[in-house]
């Protein structure tokens, strides 16, 4: 009961405050949400909501919040979170070129960076990602650290899907407040939602493996500042594509990675199950069992 009360309070605070802020600053104050400083309160609202709920609503504290860095045990996942978005960017551009949607040309990126060579600009983005990690922790402390573990306990795939849907819908007002403009809003929001689903699946995989919200926040920073920014500049400004096909092109490599992780997890579970069924102690078999809360699909 306490968990349900906490989730309800989190959603009310997060959505109510975030959406009120977006429409107030855009339409009452006339500020642009393309301004990173204007975006900050919106981005930190999930963390604020989770903090309020943990401290005053459920009073459960922060022991399970994943706030430890865990650099010694989680360093491979930090590396994956840091380099993964760059690899996804390369895959996105390769797919666009293969489909004939983009002729390899980095000059739009150079122009965007004020004449800076494209490769230098990308390296600069990669260098600042760790510095931006606490900012993107404003979302991940709410969505991946707090909300997801409390949705459908014991059914991790369902919890991940529901979290992805909630996370995507939380962003919807941005499509009506000048932050992102879809040629067809309905189709655009559907594509955006699919993209958020695969992003959340990858972020959850990193979180479960690393047990640190900072790994996830680093990956989130990379998704926004490398994958979305670089692909968006090259495909929208360079190739003239609308934001919806750009979104789908960026989503395709993420979907492939999710499929690979899911297949690998299934293989590992089958091997573990076979190991439990091997004859032991003179022909006696150990009874195989799967715990009801065992992570499935992308969790292993």
Protein backbone atom coordinates (compact mmCIF):
# COMPACT_ATOMS: atom_id res chain seq x y z
CA UNK A 1 0.00 0.00 0.00
CA UNK A 2 2.83 2.40 0.85
CA UNK A 3 4.47 1.69 -2.50
CA UNK A 4 1.26 2.45 -4.40
CA UNK A 5 0.79 5.64 -2.42
CA UNK A 6 4.34 6.65 -3.19
CA UNK A 7 3.99 5.98 -6.92
CA UNK A 8 0.74 7.94 -7.07
CA UNK A 9 2.29 10.88 -5.24
CA UNK A 10 5.37 10.77 -7.44
CA UNK A 11 3.31 10.89 -10.64
CA UNK A 12 1.06 13.69 -9.40
CA UNK A 13 3.99 15.85 -8.29
CA UNK A 14 6.15 15.10 -11.32
CA UNK A 15 3.52 15.52 -14.02
CA UNK A 16 1.63 18.34 -12.34
CA UNK A 17 4.66 20.49 -11.61
CA UNK A 18 6.48 19.69 -14.88
CA UNK A 19 3.57 20.34 -17.19
CA UNK A 20 2.55 23.49 -15.32
CA UNK A 21 6.10 24.77 -15.60
CA UNK A 22 6.37 24.05 -19.35
CA UNK A 23 3.18 25.85 -20.30
CA UNK A 24 3.80 28.73 -17.88
CA UNK A 25 7.31 29.58 -19.08
CA UNK A 26 6.36 29.13 -22.72
CA UNK A 27 3.00 30.84 -22.98
CA UNK A 28 2.84 33.10 -19.92
CA UNK A 29 6.49 34.15 -19.79
CA UNK A 30 7.34 33.80 -23.49
CA UNK A 31 10.57 31.90 -22.80
CA UNK A 32 12.00 29.34 -25.20
CA UNK A 33 12.42 25.77 -24.00
CA UNK A 34 15.33 25.44 -26.40
CA UNK A 35 17.28 27.42 -23.80
CA UNK A 36 19.11 24.87 -21.58
CA UNK A 37 18.68 27.09 -18.51
CA UNK A 38 14.92 27.18 -19.05
CA UNK A 39 14.91 23.39 -19.39
CA UNK A 40 16.66 22.76 -16.06
CA UNK A 41 13.66 22.93 -13.69
CA UNK A 42 11.70 20.63 -16.01
CA UNK A 43 14.55 18.12 -16.14
CA UNK A 44 15.01 18.06 -12.37
CA UNK A 45 11.33 17.63 -11.55
CA UNK A 46 11.44 13.78 -11.49
CA UNK A 47 14.30 13.91 -8.97
CA UNK A 48 12.45 16.49 -6.89
CA UNK A 49 9.29 14.38 -6.92
CA UNK A 50 11.22 11.22 -5.96
CA UNK A 51 12.99 13.06 -3.14
CA UNK A 52 9.73 14.43 -1.73
CA UNK A 53 8.11 11.00 -1.85
CA UNK A 54 11.06 9.13 -0.36
CA UNK A 55 11.53 11.60 2.47
CA UNK A 56 8.02 12.74 3.40
CA UNK A 57 5.37 10.53 1.77
CA UNK A 58 6.63 6.98 2.22
CA UNK A 59 9.61 7.91 4.45
CA UNK A 60 11.54 5.00 2.95
CA UNK A 61 14.78 6.91 2.60
CA UNK A 62 17.40 6.53 -0.11
CA UNK A 63 19.10 3.21 0.63
CA UNK A 64 17.89 1.66 -2.66
CA UNK A 65 18.34 4.80 -4.77
CA UNK A 66 21.57 3.67 -6.46
CA UNK A 67 23.42 6.80 -5.40
CA UNK A 68 26.80 5.13 -4.93
CA UNK A 69 29.23 5.57 -7.81
CA UNK A 70 30.49 1.95 -7.66
CA UNK A 71 33.34 2.82 -10.00
CA UNK A 72 35.40 -0.25 -9.09
CA UNK A 73 32.64 -2.78 -9.83
CA UNK A 74 30.68 -0.86 -12.46
CA UNK A 75 33.49 0.63 -14.57
CA UNK A 76 32.68 -1.55 -17.66
CA UNK A 77 29.16 -0.13 -17.62
CA UNK A 78 30.46 3.42 -17.28
CA UNK A 79 32.52 2.78 -20.40
CA UNK A 80 29.48 1.35 -22.20
CA UNK A 81 27.35 4.31 -21.11
CA UNK A 82 30.00 6.78 -22.30
CA UNK A 83 30.89 5.19 -25.65
CA UNK A 84 27.55 3.55 -26.45
CA UNK A 85 25.78 6.70 -27.71
CA UNK A 86 28.72 7.43 -30.03
CA UNK A 87 28.49 3.90 -31.45
CA UNK A 88 24.73 4.31 -31.89
CA UNK A 89 25.35 7.60 -33.70
CA UNK A 90 27.74 5.90 -36.11
CA UNK A 91 25.20 3.12 -36.69
CA UNK A 92 22.44 5.67 -37.29
CA UNK A 93 24.44 7.54 -39.87
CA UNK A 94 25.52 4.29 -41.51
CA UNK A 95 21.89 3.20 -41.79
CA UNK A 96 20.87 6.56 -43.23
CA UNK A 97 23.65 6.32 -45.83
CA UNK A 98 22.73 2.73 -46.70
CA UNK A 99 19.12 3.77 -47.26
CA UNK A 100 20.20 6.64 -49.49
CA UNK A 101 18.87 9.24 -47.05
CA UNK A 102 22.24 10.81 -46.30
CA UNK A 103 25.34 11.42 -48.35
CA UNK A 104 28.30 11.34 -45.95
CA UNK A 105 29.11 14.98 -45.31
CA UNK A 106 30.15 16.39 -41.93
CA UNK A 107 30.11 20.05 -42.97
CA UNK A 108 26.71 20.74 -41.30
CA UNK A 109 28.27 19.66 -38.01
CA UNK A 110 31.22 21.97 -38.62
CA UNK A 111 28.88 24.86 -39.39
CA UNK A 112 26.83 24.11 -36.27
CA UNK A 113 30.02 24.19 -34.19
CA UNK A 114 31.02 27.60 -35.55
CA UNK A 115 33.72 26.34 -37.88
CA UNK A 116 35.25 23.84 -35.48
CA UNK A 117 36.28 20.60 -37.24
CA UNK A 118 33.53 18.01 -36.84
CA UNK A 119 35.79 15.44 -35.19
CA UNK A 120 37.00 18.00 -32.64
CA UNK A 121 33.41 18.97 -31.86
CA UNK A 122 32.44 15.34 -31.29
CA UNK A 123 35.45 14.78 -29.03
CA UNK A 124 34.48 17.88 -27.08
CA UNK A 125 30.97 16.56 -26.63
CA UNK A 126 32.36 13.25 -25.39
CA UNK A 127 34.62 15.07 -22.94
CA UNK A 128 31.79 17.07 -21.36
CA UNK A 129 29.42 14.12 -20.91
CA UNK A 130 30.72 13.23 -17.42
CA UNK A 131 30.24 16.85 -16.38
CA UNK A 132 26.62 16.76 -17.57
CA UNK A 133 25.86 13.47 -15.82
CA UNK A 134 24.47 15.06 -12.61
CA UNK A 135 22.08 17.16 -14.69
CA UNK A 136 20.61 14.11 -16.42
CA UNK A 137 20.47 12.44 -13.03
CA UNK A 138 17.56 14.78 -12.47
CA UNK A 139 15.47 12.48 -14.64
CA UNK A 140 17.05 9.12 -13.90
CA UNK A 141 16.79 9.50 -10.14
CA UNK A 142 13.05 9.68 -10.72
CA UNK A 143 12.32 7.31 -13.59
CA UNK A 144 14.85 4.49 -13.41
CA UNK A 145 15.89 4.65 -9.76
CA UNK A 146 12.53 5.33 -8.11
CA UNK A 147 9.56 4.64 -10.40
CA UNK A 148 10.49 1.54 -12.37
CA UNK A 149 11.34 -0.77 -9.42
CA UNK A 150 7.93 0.03 -7.91
CA UNK A 151 5.86 -0.73 -11.00
CA UNK A 152 4.74 -4.37 -11.29
CA UNK A 153 7.25 -5.86 -8.83
CA UNK A 154 8.49 -9.24 -10.02
CA UNK A 155 7.60 -8.46 -13.65
CA UNK A 156 10.59 -6.51 -14.84
CA UNK A 157 9.71 -6.42 -18.54
CA UNK A 158 6.26 -5.01 -17.84
CA UNK A 159 7.73 -2.48 -15.41
CA UNK A 160 10.24 -1.33 -18.04
CA UNK A 161 7.56 -0.96 -20.72
CA UNK A 162 5.23 0.98 -18.42
CA UNK A 163 8.07 3.22 -17.27
CA UNK A 164 8.98 3.91 -20.89
CA UNK A 165 5.39 4.88 -21.69
CA UNK A 166 5.17 7.17 -18.66
CA UNK A 167 8.55 8.72 -19.42
CA UNK A 168 7.54 9.36 -23.03
CA UNK A 169 4.17 10.88 -22.12
CA UNK A 170 5.86 13.19 -19.60
CA UNK A 171 7.69 14.73 -22.60
CA UNK A 172 4.58 15.24 -24.74
CA UNK A 173 3.96 18.90 -23.81
CA UNK A 174 7.34 19.74 -25.35
CA UNK A 175 5.84 18.95 -28.76
CA UNK A 176 3.31 21.75 -28.23
CA UNK A 177 5.64 24.28 -26.59
CA UNK A 178 8.22 24.84 -29.33
CA UNK A 179 10.91 22.44 -28.11
CA UNK A 180 10.36 19.87 -30.88
CA UNK A 181 8.16 20.23 -33.96
CA UNK A 182 6.73 17.14 -35.65
CA UNK A 183 5.23 17.57 -39.14
CA UNK A 184 2.42 15.25 -38.05
CA UNK A 185 2.02 15.42 -34.30
CA UNK A 186 0.29 12.06 -33.80
CA UNK A 187 2.78 10.09 -35.89
CA UNK A 188 5.64 12.05 -34.41
CA UNK A 189 4.59 11.33 -30.85
CA UNK A 190 4.19 7.63 -31.68
CA UNK A 191 7.72 7.52 -33.10
CA UNK A 192 9.00 9.42 -30.06
CA UNK A 193 7.25 6.95 -27.75
CA UNK A 194 8.82 3.97 -29.48
CA UNK A 195 12.22 5.63 -29.19
CA UNK A 196 11.73 6.21 -25.46
CA UNK A 197 10.79 2.55 -25.01
CA UNK A 198 14.07 1.29 -26.42
CA UNK A 199 16.05 3.97 -24.59
CA UNK A 200 14.46 2.95 -21.31
CA UNK A 201 15.19 -0.72 -21.98
CA UNK A 202 18.89 0.05 -22.47
CA UNK A 203 19.01 2.35 -19.45
CA UNK A 204 17.38 -0.30 -17.27
CA UNK A 205 19.89 -2.89 -18.45
CA UNK A 206 22.71 -0.58 -17.41
CA UNK A 207 21.05 0.18 -14.07
CA UNK A 208 20.43 -3.46 -13.14
CA UNK A 209 23.98 -4.41 -14.07
CA UNK A 210 25.77 -1.44 -12.49
CA UNK A 211 23.42 -0.75 -9.55
CA UNK A 212 24.29 2.92 -9.94
CA UNK A 213 22.02 5.71 -11.14
CA UNK A 214 25.11 7.63 -12.30
CA UNK A 215 25.88 5.07 -15.00
CA UNK A 216 22.36 5.53 -16.34
CA UNK A 217 22.64 9.31 -16.12
CA UNK A 218 25.87 9.24 -18.13
CA UNK A 219 24.16 7.18 -20.83
CA UNK A 220 21.20 9.58 -20.84
CA UNK A 221 23.58 12.50 -21.29
CA UNK A 222 25.17 10.70 -24.24
CA UNK A 223 21.80 9.97 -25.82
CA UNK A 224 20.89 13.64 -25.75
CA UNK A 225 24.22 15.35 -26.36
CA UNK A 226 25.78 12.93 -28.84
CA UNK A 227 23.21 10.64 -30.47
CA UNK A 228 20.35 13.12 -30.74
CA UNK A 229 22.44 16.24 -31.33
CA UNK A 230 24.92 14.89 -33.89
CA UNK A 231 22.37 12.76 -35.76
CA UNK A 232 19.87 15.60 -35.69
CA UNK A 233 22.30 18.14 -37.14
CA UNK A 234 23.56 15.83 -39.88
CA UNK A 235 20.19 14.42 -40.89
CA UNK A 236 17.88 17.40 -40.34
CA UNK A 237 20.09 20.32 -41.31
CA UNK A 238 22.36 18.36 -43.62
CA UNK A 239 20.03 15.89 -45.35
CA UNK A 240 16.81 17.87 -44.85
CA UNK A 241 14.92 15.09 -43.09
CA UNK A 242 12.01 15.83 -40.80
CA UNK A 243 12.33 15.02 -37.11
CA UNK A 244 10.08 11.93 -37.31
CA UNK A 245 12.25 9.92 -39.75
CA UNK A 246 15.34 11.10 -37.87
CA UNK A 247 13.82 9.73 -34.67
CA UNK A 248 13.10 6.39 -36.31
CA UNK A 249 16.60 6.17 -37.77
CA UNK A 250 18.10 6.75 -34.32
CA UNK A 251 15.76 4.17 -32.81
CA UNK A 252 16.66 1.35 -35.21
CA UNK A 253 20.19 0.69 -33.82
CA UNK A 254 18.83 0.82 -30.27
CA UNK A 255 16.26 -1.80 -31.21
CA UNK A 256 19.00 -4.05 -32.57
CA UNK A 257 21.05 -3.72 -29.37
CA UNK A 258 17.96 -4.50 -27.28
CA UNK A 259 17.29 -7.60 -29.37
CA UNK A 260 20.88 -8.80 -28.96
CA UNK A 261 20.76 -8.28 -25.20
CA UNK A 262 17.42 -10.07 -24.97
CA UNK A 263 18.69 -13.07 -26.93
CA UNK A 264 21.86 -13.19 -24.85
CA UNK A 265 19.83 -13.05 -21.66
CA UNK A 266 17.61 -15.87 -22.82
CA UNK A 267 20.64 -18.00 -23.66
CA UNK A 268 22.18 -17.40 -20.25
CA UNK A 269 18.93 -18.30 -18.48
CA UNK A 270 18.67 -21.55 -20.44
CA UNK A 271 22.21 -22.46 -19.53
CA UNK A 272 21.55 -21.71 -15.88
CA UNK A 273 18.37 -23.81 -15.97
CA UNK A 274 20.19 -26.73 -17.58
CA UNK A 275 22.85 -26.46 -14.89
CA UNK A 276 20.22 -26.81 -12.19
CA UNK A 277 18.79 -29.91 -13.86
CA UNK A 278 22.06 -31.82 -14.18
CA UNK A 279 22.25 -35.13 -12.23
CA UNK A 280 23.76 -34.69 -8.80
CA UNK A 281 24.50 -36.94 -5.79
CA UNK A 282 24.26 -40.31 -7.49
CA UNK A 283 21.50 -39.57 -9.93
CA UNK A 284 19.33 -37.26 -7.84
CA UNK A 285 18.19 -34.16 -9.75
CA UNK A 286 18.02 -30.72 -8.26
CA UNK A 287 14.60 -29.28 -8.78
CA UNK A 288 14.76 -26.23 -11.05
CA UNK A 289 12.93 -23.12 -10.01
CA UNK A 290 12.76 -19.56 -11.21
CA UNK A 291 12.16 -16.89 -8.62
CA UNK A 292 9.03 -14.83 -9.33
CA UNK A 293 11.08 -11.66 -9.32
CA UNK A 294 13.90 -12.95 -11.50
CA UNK A 295 14.85 -10.34 -14.13
CA UNK A 296 13.82 -11.29 -17.64
CA UNK A 297 14.65 -10.29 -21.19
CA UNK A 298 16.96 -7.27 -21.03
CA UNK A 299 17.83 -7.77 -17.39
CA UNK A 300 20.21 -10.66 -17.94
